[in-house]
Each structure stands twice: as C-alpha cells, then as structure tokens.
C-alpha atoms as a PDB file:
ATOM      1  CA  MET A   1      -9.992 179.485 157.604  1.00  0.00           C
ATOM      2  CA  THR A   2     -12.352 181.408 159.783  1.00  0.00           C
ATOM      3  CA  ASP A   3     -16.116 181.508 159.231  1.00  0.00           C
ATOM      4  CA  SER A   4     -16.289 185.274 159.696  1.00  0.00           C
ATOM      5  CA  PRO A   5     -16.456 187.255 156.442  1.00  0.00           C
ATOM      6  CA  ALA A   6     -15.249 190.318 158.369  1.00  0.00           C
ATOM      7  CA  TYR A   7     -11.856 188.700 159.016  1.00  0.00           C
ATOM      8  CA  SER A   8      -9.469 191.196 157.457  1.00  0.00           C
ATOM      9  CA  ALA A   9      -5.910 191.051 156.227  1.00  0.00           C
ATOM     10  CA  LYS A  10      -4.979 193.344 159.111  1.00  0.00           C
ATOM     11  CA  ALA A  11      -6.510 190.919 161.622  1.00  0.00           C
ATOM     12  CA  ALA A  12      -4.825 187.982 159.885  1.00  0.00           C
ATOM     13  CA  ALA A  13      -1.445 189.712 160.129  1.00  0.00           C
ATOM     14  CA  GLN A  14      -1.891 189.912 163.918  1.00  0.00           C
ATOM     15  CA  GLU A  15      -2.338 186.178 164.476  1.00  0.00           C
ATOM     16  CA  PRO A  16      -0.046 185.027 167.316  1.00  0.00           C
ATOM     17  CA  PHE A  17       1.088 181.846 165.531  1.00  0.00           C
ATOM     18  CA  LEU A  18       2.700 183.778 162.656  1.00  0.00           C
ATOM     19  CA  GLY A  19       5.911 184.411 164.626  1.00  0.00           C
ATOM     20  CA  THR A  20       6.188 180.689 165.367  1.00  0.00           C
ATOM     21  CA  MET A  21       5.512 179.827 161.749  1.00  0.00           C
ATOM     22  CA  LEU A  22       8.197 182.268 160.606  1.00  0.00           C
ATOM     23  CA  GLU A  23      10.764 180.751 162.991  1.00  0.00           C
ATOM     24  CA  LEU A  24       9.847 177.242 161.817  1.00  0.00           C
ATOM     25  CA  VAL A  25      10.383 178.231 158.180  1.00  0.00           C
ATOM     26  CA  ARG A  26      13.646 180.017 158.980  1.00  0.00           C
ATOM     27  CA  ALA A  27      14.897 177.023 160.974  1.00  0.00           C
ATOM     28  CA  TYR A  28      14.050 174.666 158.112  1.00  0.00           C
ATOM     29  CA  GLN A  29      15.769 176.937 155.588  1.00  0.00           C
ATOM     30  CA  ALA A  30      18.895 177.191 157.748  1.00  0.00           C
ATOM     31  CA  PHE A  31      19.009 173.427 158.324  1.00  0.00           C
ATOM     32  CA  SER A  32      18.377 172.718 154.647  1.00  0.00           C
ATOM     33  CA  ALA A  33      21.097 175.109 153.453  1.00  0.00           C
ATOM     34  CA  TYR A  34      23.621 173.726 155.951  1.00  0.00           C
ATOM     35  CA  SER A  35      22.818 170.109 155.134  1.00  0.00           C
ATOM     36  CA  GLU A  36      22.844 170.760 151.383  1.00  0.00           C
ATOM     37  CA  ALA A  37      26.295 172.352 151.570  1.00  0.00           C
ATOM     38  CA  GLY A  38      27.588 169.218 153.277  1.00  0.00           C
ATOM     39  CA  VAL A  39      26.326 166.782 150.640  1.00  0.00           C
ATOM     40  CA  ARG A  40      27.297 169.023 147.725  1.00  0.00           C
ATOM     41  CA  GLN A  41      30.943 168.427 148.724  1.00  0.00           C
ATOM     42  CA  TYR A  42      30.412 164.912 147.359  1.00  0.00           C
ATOM     43  CA  ALA A  43      28.863 166.157 144.087  1.00  0.00           C
ATOM     44  CA  LEU A  44      25.423 165.010 145.252  1.00  0.00           C
ATOM     45  CA  THR A  45      22.131 166.826 145.416  1.00  0.00           C
ATOM     46  CA  PRO A  46      20.148 166.552 148.641  1.00  0.00           C
ATOM     47  CA  ALA A  47      17.709 164.181 146.887  1.00  0.00           C
ATOM     48  CA  GLN A  48      20.573 161.984 145.643  1.00  0.00           C
ATOM     49  CA  PHE A  49      22.024 161.862 149.152  1.00  0.00           C
ATOM     50  CA  ASP A  50      18.584 160.958 150.500  1.00  0.00           C
ATOM     51  CA  VAL A  51      18.376 157.978 148.129  1.00  0.00           C
ATOM     52  CA  ILE A  52      21.955 156.843 148.882  1.00  0.00           C
ATOM     53  CA  ALA A  53      21.308 157.145 152.643  1.00  0.00           C
ATOM     54  CA  THR A  54      18.000 155.279 152.342  1.00  0.00           C
ATOM     55  CA  LEU A  55      19.501 152.415 150.331  1.00  0.00           C
ATOM     56  CA  GLY A  56      22.584 152.122 152.547  1.00  0.00           C
ATOM     57  CA  ASN A  57      22.714 148.989 154.706  1.00  0.00           C
ATOM     58  CA  THR A  58      19.840 147.410 152.731  1.00  0.00           C
ATOM     59  CA  PRO A  59      19.717 144.767 149.981  1.00  0.00           C
ATOM     60  CA  GLY A  60      17.781 147.281 147.868  1.00  0.00           C
ATOM     61  CA  MET A  61      14.241 148.600 147.682  1.00  0.00           C
ATOM     62  CA  SER A  62      11.463 149.103 145.213  1.00  0.00           C
ATOM     63  CA  MET A  63      10.868 152.619 143.931  1.00  0.00           C
ATOM     64  CA  GLY A  64       7.687 152.686 146.013  1.00  0.00           C
ATOM     65  CA  GLU A  65       9.588 151.819 149.187  1.00  0.00           C
ATOM     66  CA  ILE A  66      12.209 154.496 148.460  1.00  0.00           C
ATOM     67  CA  GLY A  67       9.427 157.017 147.895  1.00  0.00           C
ATOM     68  CA  GLU A  68       7.804 156.125 151.222  1.00  0.00           C
ATOM     69  CA  LYS A  69      11.067 156.430 153.161  1.00  0.00           C
ATOM     70  CA  THR A  70      12.217 159.694 151.572  1.00  0.00           C
ATOM     71  CA  LEU A  71      10.620 163.056 150.976  1.00  0.00           C
ATOM     72  CA  ILE A  72      11.030 162.702 147.224  1.00  0.00           C
ATOM     73  CA  THR A  73       7.944 162.695 145.019  1.00  0.00           C
ATOM     74  CA  LYS A  74       7.430 159.802 142.612  1.00  0.00           C
ATOM     75  CA  GLY A  75       8.039 161.928 139.524  1.00  0.00           C
ATOM     76  CA  THR A  76      11.249 163.384 140.912  1.00  0.00           C
ATOM     77  CA  LEU A  77      12.468 160.045 142.264  1.00  0.00           C
ATOM     78  CA  THR A  78      12.721 158.483 138.808  1.00  0.00           C
ATOM     79  CA  GLY A  79      15.046 161.265 137.631  1.00  0.00           C
ATOM     80  CA  VAL A  80      17.128 161.095 140.805  1.00  0.00           C
ATOM     81  CA  VAL A  81      17.606 157.331 140.409  1.00  0.00           C
ATOM     82  CA  ASP A  82      18.383 157.812 136.689  1.00  0.00           C
ATOM     83  CA  ARG A  83      21.175 160.267 137.542  1.00  0.00           C
ATOM     84  CA  LEU A  84      22.563 158.042 140.315  1.00  0.00           C
ATOM     85  CA  GLU A  85      22.535 155.129 137.881  1.00  0.00           C
ATOM     86  CA  LYS A  86      24.477 157.183 135.308  1.00  0.00           C
ATOM     87  CA  LYS A  87      27.030 158.022 138.016  1.00  0.00           C
ATOM     88  CA  GLY A  88      27.391 154.300 138.742  1.00  0.00           C
ATOM     89  CA  PHE A  89      26.073 154.461 142.312  1.00  0.00           C
ATOM     90  CA  VAL A  90      22.844 152.467 141.899  1.00  0.00           C
ATOM     91  CA  LEU A  91      21.430 149.870 139.580  1.00  0.00           C
ATOM     92  CA  ARG A  92      17.961 148.661 138.824  1.00  0.00           C
ATOM     93  CA  GLU A  93      17.219 144.949 138.901  1.00  0.00           C
ATOM     94  CA  VAL A  94      14.099 143.059 137.897  1.00  0.00           C
ATOM     95  CA  PRO A  95      13.507 140.298 140.445  1.00  0.00           C
ATOM     96  CA  PRO A  96      13.053 136.801 138.990  1.00  0.00           C
ATOM     97  CA  GLY A  97       9.375 135.952 138.744  1.00  0.00           C
ATOM     98  CA  ASP A  98       8.120 139.552 138.955  1.00  0.00           C
ATOM     99  CA  ARG A  99       8.905 141.471 135.786  1.00  0.00           C
ATOM    100  CA  ARG A 100       6.654 144.366 136.834  1.00  0.00           C
ATOM    101  CA  SER A 101       8.766 145.142 139.880  1.00  0.00           C
ATOM    102  CA  VAL A 102      12.106 146.949 139.916  1.00  0.00           C
ATOM    103  CA  ILE A 103      14.537 146.869 142.813  1.00  0.00           C
ATOM    104  CA  VAL A 104      17.065 149.676 143.184  1.00  0.00           C
ATOM    105  CA  ARG A 105      20.249 148.837 145.028  1.00  0.00           C
ATOM    106  CA  LEU A 106      23.619 150.395 145.625  1.00  0.00           C
ATOM    107  CA  THR A 107      26.534 149.277 143.475  1.00  0.00           C
ATOM    108  CA  ALA A 108      29.967 148.723 145.027  1.00  0.00           C
ATOM    109  CA  ALA A 109      30.747 152.364 144.214  1.00  0.00           C
ATOM    110  CA  GLY A 110      27.445 153.403 145.804  1.00  0.00           C
ATOM    111  CA  GLU A 111      28.228 151.386 148.936  1.00  0.00           C
ATOM    112  CA  ALA A 112      31.666 153.027 149.152  1.00  0.00           C
ATOM    113  CA  LEU A 113      30.077 156.452 148.744  1.00  0.00           C
ATOM    114  CA  PHE A 114      27.488 155.652 151.429  1.00  0.00           C
ATOM    115  CA  GLU A 115      30.242 154.521 153.819  1.00  0.00           C
ATOM    116  CA  GLU A 116      32.054 157.811 153.239  1.00  0.00           C
ATOM    117  CA  VAL A 117      29.329 160.419 153.028  1.00  0.00           C
ATOM    118  CA  PHE A 118      26.698 159.133 155.472  1.00  0.00           C
ATOM    119  CA  PRO A 119      28.890 158.998 158.605  1.00  0.00           C
ATOM    120  CA  ALA A 120      30.508 162.328 157.675  1.00  0.00           C
ATOM    121  CA  GLN A 121      27.137 164.020 157.264  1.00  0.00           C
ATOM    122  CA  ILE A 122      25.767 162.558 160.490  1.00  0.00           C
ATOM    123  CA  GLN A 123      28.910 163.532 162.427  1.00  0.00           C
ATOM    124  CA  ASP A 124      28.675 167.073 161.072  1.00  0.00           C
ATOM    125  CA  LEU A 125      24.995 167.387 161.995  1.00  0.00           C
ATOM    126  CA  LYS A 126      25.666 165.798 165.385  1.00  0.00           C
ATOM    127  CA  GLN A 127      28.050 168.641 166.230  1.00  0.00           C
ATOM    128  CA  ARG A 128      25.235 171.113 165.560  1.00  0.00           C
ATOM    129  CA  PHE A 129      22.554 169.210 167.456  1.00  0.00           C
ATOM    130  CA  GLU A 130      24.903 168.689 170.427  1.00  0.00           C
ATOM    131  CA  GLN A 131      24.670 172.440 171.004  1.00  0.00           C
ATOM    132  CA  LEU A 132      21.185 171.731 172.351  1.00  0.00           C
ATOM    133  CA  GLU A 133      20.567 170.100 175.707  1.00  0.00           C
ATOM    134  CA  PRO A 134      19.085 166.577 175.572  1.00  0.00           C
ATOM    135  CA  SER A 135      15.910 167.931 177.184  1.00  0.00           C
ATOM    136  CA  GLU A 136      15.689 170.627 174.485  1.00  0.00           C
ATOM    137  CA  LEU A 137      16.070 168.017 171.743  1.00  0.00           C
ATOM    138  CA  GLU A 138      13.322 165.906 173.258  1.00  0.00           C
ATOM    139  CA  LEU A 139      11.011 168.889 173.681  1.00  0.00           C
ATOM    140  CA  LEU A 140      11.681 169.929 170.089  1.00  0.00           C
ATOM    141  CA  ARG A 141      10.933 166.410 168.858  1.00  0.00           C
ATOM    142  CA  VAL A 142       7.674 166.265 170.801  1.00  0.00           C
ATOM    143  CA  LEU A 143       6.560 169.707 169.663  1.00  0.00           C
ATOM    144  CA  LEU A 144       7.392 169.027 166.012  1.00  0.00           C
ATOM    145  CA  SER A 145       5.508 165.747 166.185  1.00  0.00           C
ATOM    146  CA  ARG A 146       2.537 167.521 167.732  1.00  0.00           C
ATOM    147  CA  LEU A 147       2.650 170.217 165.054  1.00  0.00           C
ATOM    148  CA  ARG A 148       2.668 167.561 162.320  1.00  0.00           C
ATOM    149  CA  GLN A 149      -0.395 165.932 163.914  1.00  0.00           C
ATOM    150  CA  VAL A 150      -2.482 169.108 163.657  1.00  0.00           C
ATOM    151  CA  PHE A 151      -1.998 169.130 159.902  1.00  0.00           C
END
C-alpha cells in the first residue's frame, strides 16, 4: 500500500507489475487445470494426488508432516485423508508408546496407485516442461523463488 491518500484507482490500474501478475495467475491456472485433468483420470482430486505423491516411497508421516510437505490446509487435509482411507489407499496407525500421534501410510493398494499415477503424471508434465530450454527453466525457477521471497 502506498502512503499517498491521492493514489487513485486509475493510477493503481497503471502499475507496471499488473501485467506480470496477470501472466503469473494465468500460468498457474493453466498448469493447475492441466495437472488436475491428469490426476482426475485416476479418480483422484489434486489434493488426494498430492497426499499419495507425498506418502509414496516413505514409511508414512504424521498429519503435521503431510501438511508441511503439501499445500493442503490442516482442516482440508483431514477430509482428504478420510476419503483416501475410505478408498483403501491409506491407513492411519497409532505408533506404540505415543497414543496422541497418528501416522498415515499408504496401503498396498495405495502403493500400487502411487507406482502407476506418479510416474505417469511426472512423465506427462516432463513433456510440457521440456518445451522450455534448460536455461529458461533455471531462470524461471530463480525468478519464482525471488518473487516468493518478496512476499
């Protein structure tokens, strides 16, 4: 926010960063829609895929650890894990000696799903990202990291 009370809506609409912001939002929306279509083929939501992908190749994680490694809020995460549990892809275990803690891990069916969907999704996204030069990918990574730092 600017300190000037005379800053008008017209002046705000002329800010040079708005075009960049618009492209960032459009790029995210395009990526999100493309990625979502890929995981929906497996009857998963993006959040369910995120949990399956996060738990893959691990012995399991606490809900807190899953929340830290995904972009899923704590309130939403419980419902996502509930639905994955109903589908038979994850289970909750209480570790011996710590009844307050719950570990979520993939079941055999969840592991099989991870082995199928994760490589397919990565291969599909790889084909898209390979349309960029390695130097473009690195520049994009650096710029996105820098943008995150300013917020």
